[in-house]
Amino acid sequence: MKTEKPLDPKLFRGIKALLLDADGVLTDGSIIYDGGGREVKVFSVRDGLGIRLLADAGIPVGILTGRSSPALRARCENLSVKHLWDGVSDKADFLAAVSRAFGAELPEICYVGDDLPDIPVMLRVGLPVAVADAHPEAIAAARAVTLARGGRGAVREVCEAILRGRGLWDKALARFTGI
């Protein structure tokens, strides 16, 4: 059910792993080149904290993307994301390897995408999510849609929904509140 409401944590109860597209999900989809031709990407610190909260809760996070980028590799290293599959031209064919690496079956995986190359993955995982500014066809393939746009907190929304759905939110929050 796709509405303009926060993500329903009940949808995320059985999710054991989070798989993300990069461009348009972790970023706003922009690619910036500096004067030397080096690629620059902008990432949300809020999304980063969400990824760390999942990792701290023992929920693996991975990135599956068609492009290779030193900026993305640096961000994954910064966040201690162990599962980065970049330069993957056929994402759906790669899902068996992703499932093995996560130790999770496809119905236990949530995938967040934003564009046409994400649809084959979205049709195979347990919980496909589209970011708010995703292509209409990706939104049609999703079971849930974030309120936030890609690169602007969409990943954080999903991370919090997973933690809430799995009953782990209070423990994650206690790290900051001491309660």
N, C-alpha and C. Protein backbone atom coordinates (compact mmCIF):
# COMPACT_ATOMS: atom_id res chain seq x y z
N MET A 1 0.84 -1.17 0.00
CA MET A 1 0.00 0.00 0.00
C MET A 1 0.90 1.24 0.00
N LYS A 2 0.81 2.02 -1.01
CA LYS A 2 1.66 3.20 -1.15
C LYS A 2 0.86 4.46 -0.85
N THR A 3 1.17 5.07 0.28
CA THR A 3 0.49 6.30 0.65
C THR A 3 1.54 7.28 1.16
N GLU A 4 1.13 8.49 1.44
CA GLU A 4 2.04 9.48 1.98
C GLU A 4 2.00 9.43 3.50
N LYS A 5 2.38 8.28 4.05
CA LYS A 5 2.46 8.05 5.48
C LYS A 5 3.85 7.49 5.77
N PRO A 6 4.29 7.59 7.02
CA PRO A 6 5.57 6.96 7.36
C PRO A 6 5.52 5.46 7.05
N LEU A 7 6.68 4.88 6.86
CA LEU A 7 6.76 3.45 6.59
C LEU A 7 6.15 2.67 7.75
N ASP A 8 5.39 1.65 7.44
CA ASP A 8 4.74 0.83 8.46
C ASP A 8 5.73 -0.21 8.98
N PRO A 9 6.14 -0.10 10.24
CA PRO A 9 7.12 -1.06 10.77
C PRO A 9 6.68 -2.51 10.67
N LYS A 10 5.36 -2.77 10.65
CA LYS A 10 4.88 -4.15 10.54
C LYS A 10 5.38 -4.82 9.26
N LEU A 11 5.55 -4.05 8.21
CA LEU A 11 6.06 -4.61 6.96
C LEU A 11 7.49 -5.15 7.11
N PHE A 12 8.20 -4.65 8.09
CA PHE A 12 9.63 -4.95 8.24
C PHE A 12 9.93 -6.02 9.29
N ARG A 13 8.91 -6.61 9.89
CA ARG A 13 9.10 -7.59 10.97
C ARG A 13 10.05 -8.72 10.61
N GLY A 14 9.89 -9.28 9.44
CA GLY A 14 10.69 -10.44 9.06
C GLY A 14 11.96 -10.11 8.29
N ILE A 15 12.33 -8.85 8.23
CA ILE A 15 13.50 -8.45 7.45
C ILE A 15 14.78 -8.71 8.25
N LYS A 16 15.70 -9.43 7.66
CA LYS A 16 16.97 -9.77 8.31
C LYS A 16 18.17 -9.09 7.69
N ALA A 17 17.97 -8.42 6.55
CA ALA A 17 19.08 -7.73 5.88
C ALA A 17 18.55 -6.62 5.00
N LEU A 18 19.38 -5.57 4.84
CA LEU A 18 19.02 -4.42 4.01
C LEU A 18 20.00 -4.31 2.85
N LEU A 19 19.46 -4.23 1.64
CA LEU A 19 20.25 -4.07 0.43
C LEU A 19 19.83 -2.76 -0.23
N LEU A 20 20.82 -1.96 -0.61
CA LEU A 20 20.57 -0.63 -1.15
C LEU A 20 21.19 -0.45 -2.52
N ASP A 21 20.50 0.27 -3.38
CA ASP A 21 21.12 0.85 -4.56
C ASP A 21 21.92 2.05 -4.05
N ALA A 22 22.81 2.59 -4.86
CA ALA A 22 23.62 3.72 -4.42
C ALA A 22 23.11 5.04 -5.00
N ASP A 23 23.33 5.27 -6.27
CA ASP A 23 22.96 6.54 -6.89
C ASP A 23 21.45 6.67 -6.94
N GLY A 24 20.95 7.74 -6.34
CA GLY A 24 19.52 7.97 -6.27
C GLY A 24 18.89 7.45 -5.00
N VAL A 25 19.64 6.66 -4.22
CA VAL A 25 19.15 6.14 -2.94
C VAL A 25 20.02 6.67 -1.81
N LEU A 26 21.31 6.34 -1.86
CA LEU A 26 22.27 6.90 -0.90
C LEU A 26 22.67 8.32 -1.27
N THR A 27 22.46 8.68 -2.50
CA THR A 27 22.73 10.04 -2.98
C THR A 27 21.46 10.56 -3.65
N ASP A 28 21.48 11.83 -4.02
CA ASP A 28 20.30 12.38 -4.71
C ASP A 28 20.33 12.09 -6.21
N GLY A 29 21.30 11.31 -6.63
CA GLY A 29 21.41 10.93 -8.04
C GLY A 29 22.33 11.82 -8.84
N SER A 30 22.81 12.89 -8.22
CA SER A 30 23.74 13.80 -8.91
C SER A 30 25.14 13.20 -8.94
N ILE A 31 25.85 13.47 -9.99
CA ILE A 31 27.27 13.12 -10.08
C ILE A 31 28.00 14.42 -10.39
N ILE A 32 28.92 14.76 -9.52
CA ILE A 32 29.69 15.99 -9.66
C ILE A 32 31.13 15.61 -10.00
N TYR A 33 31.71 16.30 -10.95
CA TYR A 33 33.11 16.11 -11.28
C TYR A 33 33.87 17.36 -10.89
N ASP A 34 34.99 17.16 -10.18
CA ASP A 34 35.80 18.33 -9.82
C ASP A 34 36.66 18.72 -11.03
N GLY A 35 37.47 19.76 -10.86
CA GLY A 35 38.29 20.26 -11.97
C GLY A 35 39.27 19.25 -12.52
N GLY A 36 39.62 18.25 -11.71
CA GLY A 36 40.52 17.20 -12.17
C GLY A 36 39.81 16.00 -12.75
N GLY A 37 38.49 16.08 -12.88
CA GLY A 37 37.72 14.98 -13.45
C GLY A 37 37.38 13.89 -12.44
N ARG A 38 37.66 14.13 -11.16
CA ARG A 38 37.34 13.16 -10.12
C ARG A 38 35.87 13.29 -9.73
N GLU A 39 35.25 12.14 -9.54
CA GLU A 39 33.84 12.11 -9.16
C GLU A 39 33.67 12.46 -7.68
N VAL A 40 32.69 13.29 -7.40
CA VAL A 40 32.35 13.68 -6.04
C VAL A 40 30.89 13.34 -5.81
N LYS A 41 30.59 12.74 -4.65
CA LYS A 41 29.21 12.41 -4.29
C LYS A 41 28.91 13.00 -2.93
N VAL A 42 27.66 13.32 -2.70
CA VAL A 42 27.21 13.84 -1.43
C VAL A 42 26.32 12.78 -0.78
N PHE A 43 26.66 12.44 0.47
CA PHE A 43 25.92 11.44 1.23
C PHE A 43 25.31 12.09 2.47
N SER A 44 24.20 11.57 2.92
CA SER A 44 23.52 12.07 4.11
C SER A 44 24.11 11.44 5.37
N VAL A 45 24.47 12.28 6.35
CA VAL A 45 24.94 11.73 7.63
C VAL A 45 23.80 11.03 8.35
N ARG A 46 22.57 11.46 8.13
CA ARG A 46 21.42 10.78 8.76
C ARG A 46 21.28 9.35 8.24
N ASP A 47 21.44 9.19 6.93
CA ASP A 47 21.41 7.84 6.37
C ASP A 47 22.55 7.01 6.95
N GLY A 48 23.71 7.62 7.10
CA GLY A 48 24.86 6.92 7.65
C GLY A 48 24.61 6.43 9.06
N LEU A 49 23.99 7.26 9.89
CA LEU A 49 23.68 6.83 11.25
C LEU A 49 22.68 5.68 11.23
N GLY A 50 21.71 5.73 10.35
CA GLY A 50 20.76 4.63 10.23
C GLY A 50 21.46 3.32 9.90
N ILE A 51 22.40 3.37 8.97
CA ILE A 51 23.16 2.17 8.59
C ILE A 51 23.97 1.66 9.79
N ARG A 52 24.59 2.56 10.54
CA ARG A 52 25.35 2.15 11.73
C ARG A 52 24.44 1.54 12.79
N LEU A 53 23.24 2.10 12.97
CA LEU A 53 22.31 1.54 13.94
C LEU A 53 21.91 0.12 13.57
N LEU A 54 21.69 -0.13 12.28
CA LEU A 54 21.37 -1.49 11.85
C LEU A 54 22.55 -2.42 12.12
N ALA A 55 23.73 -1.99 11.75
CA ALA A 55 24.92 -2.82 11.97
C ALA A 55 25.09 -3.13 13.45
N ASP A 56 24.89 -2.13 14.31
CA ASP A 56 25.00 -2.34 15.76
C ASP A 56 23.97 -3.35 16.26
N ALA A 57 22.83 -3.43 15.58
CA ALA A 57 21.78 -4.37 15.96
C ALA A 57 22.00 -5.75 15.32
N GLY A 58 23.08 -5.90 14.57
CA GLY A 58 23.39 -7.19 13.95
C GLY A 58 22.66 -7.45 12.65
N ILE A 59 22.12 -6.41 12.04
CA ILE A 59 21.40 -6.55 10.77
C ILE A 59 22.33 -6.11 9.66
N PRO A 60 22.71 -7.03 8.77
CA PRO A 60 23.66 -6.67 7.72
C PRO A 60 23.07 -5.71 6.69
N VAL A 61 23.94 -4.83 6.20
CA VAL A 61 23.59 -3.86 5.17
C VAL A 61 24.56 -4.05 4.02
N GLY A 62 24.04 -4.03 2.80
CA GLY A 62 24.88 -4.13 1.62
C GLY A 62 24.42 -3.17 0.56
N ILE A 63 25.32 -2.92 -0.36
CA ILE A 63 25.04 -2.02 -1.48
C ILE A 63 25.29 -2.78 -2.76
N LEU A 64 24.31 -2.73 -3.67
CA LEU A 64 24.37 -3.39 -4.96
C LEU A 64 24.12 -2.33 -6.02
N THR A 65 25.15 -2.01 -6.79
CA THR A 65 25.04 -0.90 -7.73
C THR A 65 25.71 -1.22 -9.06
N GLY A 66 25.21 -0.61 -10.09
CA GLY A 66 25.76 -0.82 -11.42
C GLY A 66 27.03 -0.04 -11.69
N ARG A 67 27.25 1.03 -10.93
CA ARG A 67 28.43 1.87 -11.14
C ARG A 67 29.50 1.57 -10.10
N SER A 68 30.72 1.81 -10.47
CA SER A 68 31.85 1.75 -9.53
C SER A 68 32.28 3.18 -9.25
N SER A 69 32.60 3.45 -7.98
CA SER A 69 32.94 4.80 -7.61
C SER A 69 33.88 4.80 -6.40
N PRO A 70 35.02 5.46 -6.51
CA PRO A 70 35.89 5.58 -5.34
C PRO A 70 35.19 6.29 -4.18
N ALA A 71 34.33 7.25 -4.48
CA ALA A 71 33.60 7.96 -3.42
C ALA A 71 32.69 7.00 -2.66
N LEU A 72 32.01 6.12 -3.35
CA LEU A 72 31.14 5.14 -2.70
C LEU A 72 31.97 4.17 -1.88
N ARG A 73 33.07 3.70 -2.41
CA ARG A 73 33.94 2.78 -1.66
C ARG A 73 34.42 3.45 -0.37
N ALA A 74 34.78 4.73 -0.45
CA ALA A 74 35.23 5.45 0.75
C ALA A 74 34.09 5.56 1.76
N ARG A 75 32.89 5.84 1.30
CA ARG A 75 31.75 5.95 2.21
C ARG A 75 31.48 4.60 2.88
N CYS A 76 31.55 3.52 2.13
CA CYS A 76 31.33 2.19 2.71
C CYS A 76 32.39 1.88 3.76
N GLU A 77 33.61 2.24 3.47
CA GLU A 77 34.69 2.03 4.44
C GLU A 77 34.43 2.85 5.70
N ASN A 78 34.03 4.10 5.54
CA ASN A 78 33.72 4.98 6.67
C ASN A 78 32.61 4.41 7.55
N LEU A 79 31.62 3.78 6.94
CA LEU A 79 30.48 3.23 7.67
C LEU A 79 30.67 1.77 8.06
N SER A 80 31.82 1.19 7.70
CA SER A 80 32.09 -0.23 7.94
C SER A 80 31.07 -1.14 7.26
N VAL A 81 30.61 -0.74 6.09
CA VAL A 81 29.72 -1.58 5.28
C VAL A 81 30.60 -2.63 4.62
N LYS A 82 30.38 -3.88 5.00
CA LYS A 82 31.23 -4.98 4.52
C LYS A 82 30.81 -5.52 3.16
N HIS A 83 29.56 -5.28 2.80
CA HIS A 83 29.03 -5.85 1.56
C HIS A 83 28.81 -4.76 0.52
N LEU A 84 29.76 -4.60 -0.36
CA LEU A 84 29.63 -3.67 -1.48
C LEU A 84 29.84 -4.45 -2.77
N TRP A 85 28.80 -4.49 -3.56
CA TRP A 85 28.87 -5.11 -4.88
C TRP A 85 28.67 -3.99 -5.89
N ASP A 86 29.75 -3.51 -6.47
CA ASP A 86 29.66 -2.41 -7.43
C ASP A 86 30.07 -2.88 -8.81
N GLY A 87 29.64 -2.13 -9.81
CA GLY A 87 29.92 -2.50 -11.19
C GLY A 87 29.13 -3.72 -11.64
N VAL A 88 27.99 -3.97 -11.01
CA VAL A 88 27.16 -5.14 -11.32
C VAL A 88 26.14 -4.75 -12.39
N SER A 89 26.28 -5.33 -13.58
CA SER A 89 25.39 -4.94 -14.67
C SER A 89 24.02 -5.59 -14.58
N ASP A 90 23.94 -6.81 -14.07
CA ASP A 90 22.65 -7.48 -13.92
C ASP A 90 22.45 -7.80 -12.44
N LYS A 91 21.80 -6.89 -11.76
CA LYS A 91 21.64 -7.00 -10.30
C LYS A 91 20.85 -8.24 -9.90
N ALA A 92 19.82 -8.59 -10.65
CA ALA A 92 18.98 -9.73 -10.28
C ALA A 92 19.78 -11.02 -10.32
N ASP A 93 20.67 -11.17 -11.29
CA ASP A 93 21.50 -12.38 -11.37
C ASP A 93 22.46 -12.49 -10.19
N PHE A 94 22.68 -11.41 -9.51
CA PHE A 94 23.63 -11.37 -8.40
C PHE A 94 22.97 -11.68 -7.05
N LEU A 95 21.66 -11.81 -7.03
CA LEU A 95 20.94 -11.95 -5.77
C LEU A 95 21.27 -13.23 -5.00
N ALA A 96 21.58 -14.31 -5.68
CA ALA A 96 21.93 -15.54 -4.96
C ALA A 96 23.20 -15.32 -4.14
N ALA A 97 24.18 -14.62 -4.71
CA ALA A 97 25.41 -14.32 -3.97
C ALA A 97 25.13 -13.39 -2.80
N VAL A 98 24.24 -12.43 -2.99
CA VAL A 98 23.87 -11.51 -1.92
C VAL A 98 23.21 -12.29 -0.79
N SER A 99 22.29 -13.16 -1.12
CA SER A 99 21.58 -13.97 -0.13
C SER A 99 22.55 -14.80 0.70
N ARG A 100 23.50 -15.44 0.03
CA ARG A 100 24.52 -16.23 0.74
C ARG A 100 25.36 -15.35 1.66
N ALA A 101 25.80 -14.20 1.16
CA ALA A 101 26.65 -13.31 1.96
C ALA A 101 25.91 -12.80 3.20
N PHE A 102 24.64 -12.53 3.08
CA PHE A 102 23.84 -12.05 4.19
C PHE A 102 23.41 -13.18 5.14
N GLY A 103 23.39 -14.42 4.62
CA GLY A 103 22.82 -15.52 5.41
C GLY A 103 21.33 -15.34 5.57
N ALA A 104 20.70 -14.78 4.56
CA ALA A 104 19.26 -14.50 4.58
C ALA A 104 18.65 -14.93 3.26
N GLU A 105 17.45 -15.44 3.32
CA GLU A 105 16.71 -15.80 2.12
C GLU A 105 16.16 -14.53 1.47
N LEU A 106 15.84 -14.59 0.19
CA LEU A 106 15.32 -13.41 -0.51
C LEU A 106 14.08 -12.81 0.16
N PRO A 107 13.14 -13.63 0.68
CA PRO A 107 11.98 -13.02 1.36
C PRO A 107 12.34 -12.26 2.64
N GLU A 108 13.57 -12.43 3.15
CA GLU A 108 14.01 -11.76 4.37
C GLU A 108 14.84 -10.51 4.07
N ILE A 109 14.94 -10.16 2.79
CA ILE A 109 15.76 -9.02 2.39
C ILE A 109 14.86 -7.86 1.95
N CYS A 110 15.20 -6.68 2.44
CA CYS A 110 14.57 -5.44 1.99
C CYS A 110 15.54 -4.77 1.01
N TYR A 111 15.04 -4.35 -0.12
CA TYR A 111 15.86 -3.65 -1.11
C TYR A 111 15.26 -2.28 -1.35
N VAL A 112 16.12 -1.25 -1.35
CA VAL A 112 15.68 0.11 -1.63
C VAL A 112 16.24 0.54 -2.97
N GLY A 113 15.37 0.92 -3.88
CA GLY A 113 15.78 1.34 -5.21
C GLY A 113 15.07 2.61 -5.65
N ASP A 114 15.48 3.08 -6.83
CA ASP A 114 14.90 4.34 -7.32
C ASP A 114 14.65 4.38 -8.82
N ASP A 115 15.15 3.40 -9.57
CA ASP A 115 15.06 3.56 -11.02
C ASP A 115 14.87 2.21 -11.71
N LEU A 116 14.77 2.25 -13.02
CA LEU A 116 14.46 1.06 -13.82
C LEU A 116 15.39 -0.12 -13.57
N PRO A 117 16.72 0.05 -13.47
CA PRO A 117 17.58 -1.11 -13.24
C PRO A 117 17.33 -1.80 -11.89
N ASP A 118 16.61 -1.16 -10.99
CA ASP A 118 16.32 -1.74 -9.68
C ASP A 118 15.09 -2.65 -9.70
N ILE A 119 14.26 -2.51 -10.68
CA ILE A 119 12.99 -3.25 -10.70
C ILE A 119 13.19 -4.76 -10.67
N PRO A 120 14.11 -5.35 -11.43
CA PRO A 120 14.26 -6.82 -11.34
C PRO A 120 14.59 -7.30 -9.93
N VAL A 121 15.36 -6.54 -9.18
CA VAL A 121 15.66 -6.90 -7.79
C VAL A 121 14.41 -6.71 -6.94
N MET A 122 13.72 -5.61 -7.14
CA MET A 122 12.53 -5.30 -6.35
C MET A 122 11.47 -6.40 -6.51
N LEU A 123 11.40 -7.01 -7.68
CA LEU A 123 10.42 -8.05 -7.93
C LEU A 123 10.78 -9.38 -7.30
N ARG A 124 12.01 -9.51 -6.78
CA ARG A 124 12.48 -10.80 -6.25
C ARG A 124 12.69 -10.83 -4.73
N VAL A 125 12.83 -9.68 -4.11
CA VAL A 125 13.08 -9.66 -2.67
C VAL A 125 11.78 -9.62 -1.88
N GLY A 126 11.90 -9.83 -0.57
CA GLY A 126 10.72 -9.85 0.27
C GLY A 126 10.04 -8.51 0.44
N LEU A 127 10.85 -7.45 0.55
CA LEU A 127 10.25 -6.13 0.76
C LEU A 127 10.96 -5.10 -0.10
N PRO A 128 10.38 -4.80 -1.27
CA PRO A 128 10.93 -3.74 -2.12
C PRO A 128 10.41 -2.38 -1.68
N VAL A 129 11.34 -1.44 -1.53
CA VAL A 129 11.00 -0.07 -1.12
C VAL A 129 11.54 0.88 -2.18
N ALA A 130 10.78 1.90 -2.51
CA ALA A 130 11.23 2.95 -3.42
C ALA A 130 11.38 4.24 -2.63
N VAL A 131 12.35 5.06 -3.01
CA VAL A 131 12.49 6.38 -2.40
C VAL A 131 11.42 7.29 -3.00
N ALA A 132 11.11 8.37 -2.29
CA ALA A 132 10.01 9.25 -2.68
C ALA A 132 10.12 9.78 -4.10
N ASP A 133 11.34 10.06 -4.56
CA ASP A 133 11.52 10.64 -5.89
C ASP A 133 11.93 9.60 -6.93
N ALA A 134 11.59 8.35 -6.68
CA ALA A 134 11.92 7.28 -7.62
C ALA A 134 11.12 7.42 -8.91
N HIS A 135 11.60 6.74 -9.94
CA HIS A 135 10.87 6.66 -11.21
C HIS A 135 9.50 6.00 -10.93
N PRO A 136 8.44 6.44 -11.60
CA PRO A 136 7.12 5.86 -11.37
C PRO A 136 7.06 4.34 -11.50
N GLU A 137 7.83 3.77 -12.40
CA GLU A 137 7.82 2.31 -12.56
C GLU A 137 8.45 1.62 -11.35
N ALA A 138 9.47 2.24 -10.75
CA ALA A 138 10.08 1.68 -9.53
C ALA A 138 9.08 1.80 -8.38
N ILE A 139 8.37 2.90 -8.30
CA ILE A 139 7.36 3.06 -7.26
C ILE A 139 6.27 2.00 -7.43
N ALA A 140 5.89 1.72 -8.66
CA ALA A 140 4.87 0.69 -8.91
C ALA A 140 5.34 -0.69 -8.47
N ALA A 141 6.64 -0.95 -8.54
CA ALA A 141 7.19 -2.26 -8.15
C ALA A 141 7.40 -2.37 -6.64
N ALA A 142 7.29 -1.27 -5.91
CA ALA A 142 7.56 -1.24 -4.48
C ALA A 142 6.33 -1.61 -3.66
N ARG A 143 6.57 -2.15 -2.47
CA ARG A 143 5.49 -2.37 -1.50
C ARG A 143 5.38 -1.20 -0.54
N ALA A 144 6.43 -0.37 -0.49
CA ALA A 144 6.42 0.80 0.38
C ALA A 144 7.25 1.89 -0.28
N VAL A 145 6.94 3.13 0.07
CA VAL A 145 7.65 4.29 -0.49
C VAL A 145 8.01 5.21 0.67
N THR A 146 9.25 5.67 0.69
CA THR A 146 9.69 6.57 1.76
C THR A 146 9.07 7.95 1.57
N LEU A 147 9.03 8.71 2.64
CA LEU A 147 8.61 10.11 2.54
C LEU A 147 9.76 10.97 2.04
N ALA A 148 10.99 10.59 2.41
CA ALA A 148 12.18 11.35 2.03
C ALA A 148 12.68 10.92 0.65
N ARG A 149 13.36 11.84 0.01
CA ARG A 149 13.94 11.60 -1.30
C ARG A 149 15.28 10.87 -1.14
N GLY A 150 15.76 10.31 -2.22
CA GLY A 150 17.06 9.67 -2.22
C GLY A 150 18.15 10.65 -1.82
N GLY A 151 19.07 10.19 -0.96
CA GLY A 151 20.16 11.04 -0.49
C GLY A 151 19.72 12.08 0.52
N ARG A 152 18.47 12.06 0.91
CA ARG A 152 17.92 13.08 1.82
C ARG A 152 17.19 12.45 3.01
N GLY A 153 17.66 11.28 3.45
CA GLY A 153 17.08 10.64 4.62
C GLY A 153 16.21 9.43 4.33
N ALA A 154 16.05 9.04 3.09
CA ALA A 154 15.22 7.88 2.76
C ALA A 154 15.77 6.60 3.38
N VAL A 155 17.07 6.42 3.34
CA VAL A 155 17.68 5.22 3.91
C VAL A 155 17.46 5.20 5.42
N ARG A 156 17.59 6.34 6.06
CA ARG A 156 17.36 6.41 7.51
C ARG A 156 15.94 5.97 7.85
N GLU A 157 14.96 6.41 7.07
CA GLU A 157 13.57 5.99 7.29
C GLU A 157 13.45 4.47 7.28
N VAL A 158 14.08 3.86 6.30
CA VAL A 158 14.01 2.41 6.16
C VAL A 158 14.71 1.73 7.34
N CYS A 159 15.88 2.23 7.71
CA CYS A 159 16.62 1.64 8.83
C CYS A 159 15.80 1.70 10.11
N GLU A 160 15.18 2.84 10.38
CA GLU A 160 14.36 2.97 11.58
C GLU A 160 13.14 2.05 11.51
N ALA A 161 12.54 1.91 10.35
CA ALA A 161 11.38 1.02 10.21
C ALA A 161 11.78 -0.44 10.46
N ILE A 162 12.96 -0.83 10.00
CA ILE A 162 13.44 -2.19 10.27
C ILE A 162 13.64 -2.38 11.77
N LEU A 163 14.30 -1.44 12.41
CA LEU A 163 14.53 -1.56 13.86
C LEU A 163 13.21 -1.59 14.63
N ARG A 164 12.27 -0.74 14.25
CA ARG A 164 10.97 -0.74 14.92
C ARG A 164 10.23 -2.06 14.66
N GLY A 165 10.23 -2.49 13.41
CA GLY A 165 9.54 -3.72 13.05
C GLY A 165 10.11 -4.95 13.74
N ARG A 166 11.39 -4.95 13.98
CA ARG A 166 12.05 -6.08 14.64
C ARG A 166 12.06 -5.94 16.16
N GLY A 167 11.46 -4.87 16.69
CA GLY A 167 11.42 -4.66 18.13
C GLY A 167 12.74 -4.23 18.72
N LEU A 168 13.60 -3.59 17.91
CA LEU A 168 14.94 -3.21 18.34
C LEU A 168 15.13 -1.70 18.49
N TRP A 169 14.07 -0.93 18.25
CA TRP A 169 14.20 0.53 18.25
C TRP A 169 14.55 1.07 19.64
N ASP A 170 13.86 0.59 20.67
CA ASP A 170 14.12 1.12 22.01
C ASP A 170 15.57 0.90 22.43
N LYS A 171 16.12 -0.26 22.10
CA LYS A 171 17.52 -0.54 22.42
C LYS A 171 18.45 0.39 21.64
N ALA A 172 18.15 0.62 20.37
CA ALA A 172 18.97 1.54 19.56
C ALA A 172 18.88 2.96 20.11
N LEU A 173 17.70 3.37 20.50
CA LEU A 173 17.49 4.71 21.02
C LEU A 173 18.17 4.90 22.38
N ALA A 174 18.21 3.84 23.19
CA ALA A 174 18.81 3.91 24.53
C ALA A 174 20.28 4.33 24.46
N ARG A 175 20.92 4.02 23.39
CA ARG A 175 22.33 4.44 23.19
C ARG A 175 22.46 5.95 23.32
N PHE A 176 21.43 6.68 22.95
CA PHE A 176 21.49 8.14 22.93
C PHE A 176 20.78 8.77 24.13
N THR A 177 19.78 8.07 24.65
CA THR A 177 19.01 8.64 25.74
C THR A 177 19.47 8.15 27.11
N GLY A 178 20.16 7.01 27.12
CA GLY A 178 20.59 6.42 28.38
C GLY A 178 19.45 5.76 29.13
N ILE A 179 18.29 5.66 28.50
CA ILE A 179 17.11 5.06 29.16
C ILE A 179 16.97 3.62 28.76
